[in-house]
Protein backbone atom coordinates (compact mmCIF):
# COMPACT_ATOMS: atom_id res chain seq x y z
CA MET A 1 -0.51 -2.36 -7.57
CA HIS A 2 0.43 -2.81 -3.98
CA ILE A 3 -2.63 -1.81 -1.95
CA CYS A 4 -1.77 -0.42 1.47
CA CYS A 5 -5.45 0.16 2.26
CA ALA A 6 -8.76 0.60 0.48
CA ASN A 7 -8.82 4.36 0.96
CA CYS A 8 -5.43 5.05 -0.60
CA SER A 9 -6.13 2.74 -3.54
CA LEU A 10 -9.33 4.47 -4.68
CA TYR A 11 -7.93 7.40 -6.63
CA PRO A 12 -4.95 5.52 -8.17
CA VAL A 13 -7.12 2.59 -9.31
CA LYS A 14 -9.76 4.97 -10.72
CA THR A 15 -7.13 7.09 -12.49
CA LEU A 16 -5.22 4.16 -13.97
CA THR A 17 -8.40 2.40 -15.08
CA GLU A 18 -9.61 5.59 -16.80
CA LYS A 19 -6.28 5.62 -18.69
CA GLY A 20 -6.95 2.08 -19.90
CA VAL A 21 -4.49 0.41 -17.55
CA SER A 22 -5.57 -3.00 -16.27
CA VAL A 23 -4.89 -3.08 -12.53
CA THR A 24 -4.36 -6.17 -10.41
CA GLY A 25 -4.07 -5.33 -6.74
CA LEU A 26 -1.87 -7.01 -4.17
CA TRP A 27 -2.66 -6.94 -0.46
CA PHE A 28 0.55 -7.50 1.50
CA ASN A 29 0.92 -5.43 4.65
CA PRO A 30 2.80 -7.23 7.43
CA ASN A 31 3.39 -3.85 9.09
CA ILE A 32 -0.16 -3.20 10.27
CA HIS A 33 -0.69 -3.44 14.02
CA PRO A 34 -2.61 -4.43 16.08
CA TYR A 35 -4.29 -7.42 14.46
CA ALA A 36 -7.72 -5.80 14.90
CA GLU A 37 -6.52 -2.89 12.73
CA TYR A 38 -5.07 -5.32 10.18
CA ALA A 39 -8.43 -7.12 9.97
CA LEU A 40 -10.39 -3.86 9.56
CA ARG A 41 -8.18 -2.74 6.69
CA LEU A 42 -8.23 -6.14 5.02
CA ASN A 43 -12.02 -6.20 5.28
CA ALA A 44 -12.24 -2.73 3.69
CA VAL A 45 -10.15 -3.93 0.75
CA THR A 46 -12.36 -6.99 0.24
CA GLN A 47 -15.42 -4.68 0.42
CA LEU A 48 -13.93 -2.42 -2.25
CA GLN A 49 -13.04 -5.43 -4.39
CA LYS A 50 -16.69 -6.54 -4.39
CA VAL A 51 -18.14 -3.08 -5.03
CA TRP A 52 -15.76 -2.17 -7.86
CA GLY A 53 -15.18 -5.70 -9.20
CA LEU A 54 -11.42 -5.45 -8.75
CA SER A 55 -8.86 -8.17 -9.31
CA ILE A 56 -6.85 -8.46 -6.07
CA ASP A 57 -4.40 -11.10 -4.88
CA TYR A 58 -4.01 -11.48 -1.13
CA ILE A 59 -0.97 -12.44 0.86
CA ASP A 60 -2.83 -12.52 4.16
CA TYR A 61 0.12 -12.51 6.51
CA TYR A 62 0.15 -10.78 9.86
CA GLY A 63 3.93 -10.51 10.04
CA ILE A 64 4.47 -8.18 12.97
CA LYS A 65 7.51 -10.11 14.27
CA GLU A 66 9.26 -9.98 10.89
CA PHE A 67 8.28 -6.32 10.50
CA ILE A 68 9.79 -5.38 13.87
CA GLN A 69 13.00 -7.26 13.06
CA LYS A 70 13.34 -5.75 9.57
CA THR A 71 12.69 -2.24 10.86
CA ASP A 72 15.42 -2.59 13.46
CA ASN A 73 12.94 -2.34 16.34
CA GLY A 74 11.64 1.02 15.16
CA GLY A 75 14.97 2.40 14.08
CA GLU A 76 15.56 5.55 12.11
CA ASN A 77 15.03 3.86 8.74
CA ARG A 78 11.89 1.97 9.70
CA CYS A 79 9.76 3.47 6.93
CA SER A 80 12.33 2.57 4.27
CA ALA A 81 12.50 -1.00 5.53
CA CYS A 82 8.71 -1.21 5.55
CA TYR A 83 8.39 0.14 2.00
CA GLU A 84 11.10 -2.25 0.84
CA MET A 85 9.32 -5.30 2.32
CA ARG A 86 6.09 -4.47 0.54
CA LEU A 87 7.49 -3.26 -2.79
CA ASP A 88 9.85 -6.23 -3.01
CA LYS A 89 6.89 -8.62 -2.71
CA THR A 90 4.85 -6.54 -5.18
CA ALA A 91 7.58 -6.46 -7.83
CA GLN A 92 8.13 -10.18 -7.35
CA LYS A 93 4.40 -10.83 -7.85
CA ALA A 94 4.26 -8.52 -10.89
CA ARG A 95 7.05 -10.44 -12.56
CA GLU A 96 5.44 -13.76 -11.59
CA ILE A 97 2.12 -12.87 -13.28
CA GLY A 98 3.77 -11.26 -16.30
CA ALA A 99 2.61 -7.71 -15.55
CA ASP A 100 4.12 -4.81 -17.50
CA GLY A 101 4.89 -2.99 -14.27
CA PHE A 102 4.04 -2.39 -10.65
CA THR A 103 3.25 0.52 -8.37
CA THR A 104 1.83 1.21 -4.93
CA SER A 105 -1.09 3.11 -3.49
CA LEU A 106 1.33 4.47 -0.88
CA ILE A 107 2.31 7.21 -3.32
CA ILE A 108 -1.02 8.99 -2.91
CA SER A 109 -0.57 9.73 0.77
CA PRO A 110 0.77 13.11 1.84
CA TYR A 111 1.84 11.33 5.06
CA GLN A 112 4.23 8.89 3.35
CA LYS A 113 7.78 9.59 2.19
CA PHE A 114 7.16 9.92 -1.55
CA ASP A 115 10.81 10.25 -2.64
CA VAL A 116 11.90 7.30 -0.50
CA ILE A 117 9.12 5.15 -1.98
CA ILE A 118 10.19 6.13 -5.51
CA ASP A 119 13.84 5.28 -4.81
CA ILE A 120 12.90 1.89 -3.37
CA GLY A 121 10.52 1.22 -6.26
CA ARG A 122 13.37 1.86 -8.69
CA GLU A 123 15.61 -0.53 -6.71
CA MET A 124 12.92 -3.23 -6.91
CA GLU A 125 12.52 -2.52 -10.62
CA LYS A 126 16.18 -3.43 -11.14
CA LYS A 127 16.09 -6.38 -8.75
CA HIS A 128 13.04 -8.01 -10.35
CA SER A 129 13.36 -6.70 -13.95
CA VAL A 130 9.88 -5.23 -14.00
CA GLU A 131 9.09 -1.54 -14.49
CA PHE A 132 8.14 0.59 -11.48
CA PHE A 133 5.30 2.87 -12.58
CA ILE A 134 5.58 6.32 -11.05
CA GLU A 135 2.72 8.76 -10.94
CA ASP A 136 2.25 11.41 -8.30
CA PHE A 137 -1.27 10.64 -7.15
CA ARG A 138 -1.08 13.08 -4.21
CA PRO A 139 -3.18 15.77 -5.95
CA GLY A 140 -6.06 13.25 -5.85
CA TRP A 141 -5.79 12.63 -2.10
CA LYS A 142 -8.90 14.66 -1.20
CA GLN A 143 -10.92 13.09 -4.01
CA GLY A 144 -9.96 9.67 -2.63
CA VAL A 145 -11.08 10.70 0.85
CA GLU A 146 -14.46 11.79 -0.50
CA LEU A 147 -14.83 8.54 -2.46
CA SER A 148 -14.07 6.48 0.63
CA LYS A 149 -16.72 8.37 2.60
CA GLU A 150 -19.28 7.82 -0.17
CA LEU A 151 -18.49 4.09 -0.18
CA GLY A 152 -18.60 3.89 3.61
CA LEU A 153 -15.14 2.33 3.85
CA TYR A 154 -13.25 2.03 7.12
CA ARG A 155 -10.94 5.03 7.49
CA GLN A 156 -7.80 4.49 9.54
CA LYS A 157 -6.18 7.11 11.73
CA TYR A 158 -2.48 6.24 11.36
CA CYS A 159 -0.15 4.65 8.82
CA GLY A 160 -0.61 1.23 10.35
CA CYS A 161 2.63 0.32 12.05
CA ILE A 162 3.13 -0.11 15.77
CA TYR A 163 5.43 2.92 15.83
CA SER A 164 3.01 5.30 14.12
CA GLU A 165 0.26 4.06 16.43
CA MET A 166 2.47 4.85 19.43
CA GLU A 167 3.25 8.32 18.05
CA LYS A 168 -0.45 8.98 17.48
CA HIS A 169 -1.17 8.27 21.15
CA LEU A 170 1.81 10.25 22.43
CA LYS A 171 0.55 13.40 20.67
């Protein structure tokens, strides 16, 4: 499972584990800006890993330059490009470790483009020959928020990219 942040991973990991699914997380988020925000989110994931005893692989790469280039300097399709970067790496890793499938914690957020994520996940499924697991975790969003508060995890205030940070401040 691609883990975009500790908060968004809580409900999906809990739900999948309760269904008997063995989850290995992958931290790969070159979109998060500034670096201080990246470090806070990474730290929250490592905290969660320790508390819940999760298996998580880390690609600790602050790739803001690559992110800006791939998103066409904040162009219209920046979210799609961002999802593609992360899901491509996740599907690649899933195939590498012999996993039955892959998914992302992004699909819990009511602020993300669910249908776009699903379409890209299906593309990566074909590209890497590993199943993209789809479950609409959005109904568990509030439960995840409550869990993150109980665990005292860092709670971010924007999706993570330089463009969403800018939009947050412009409002």
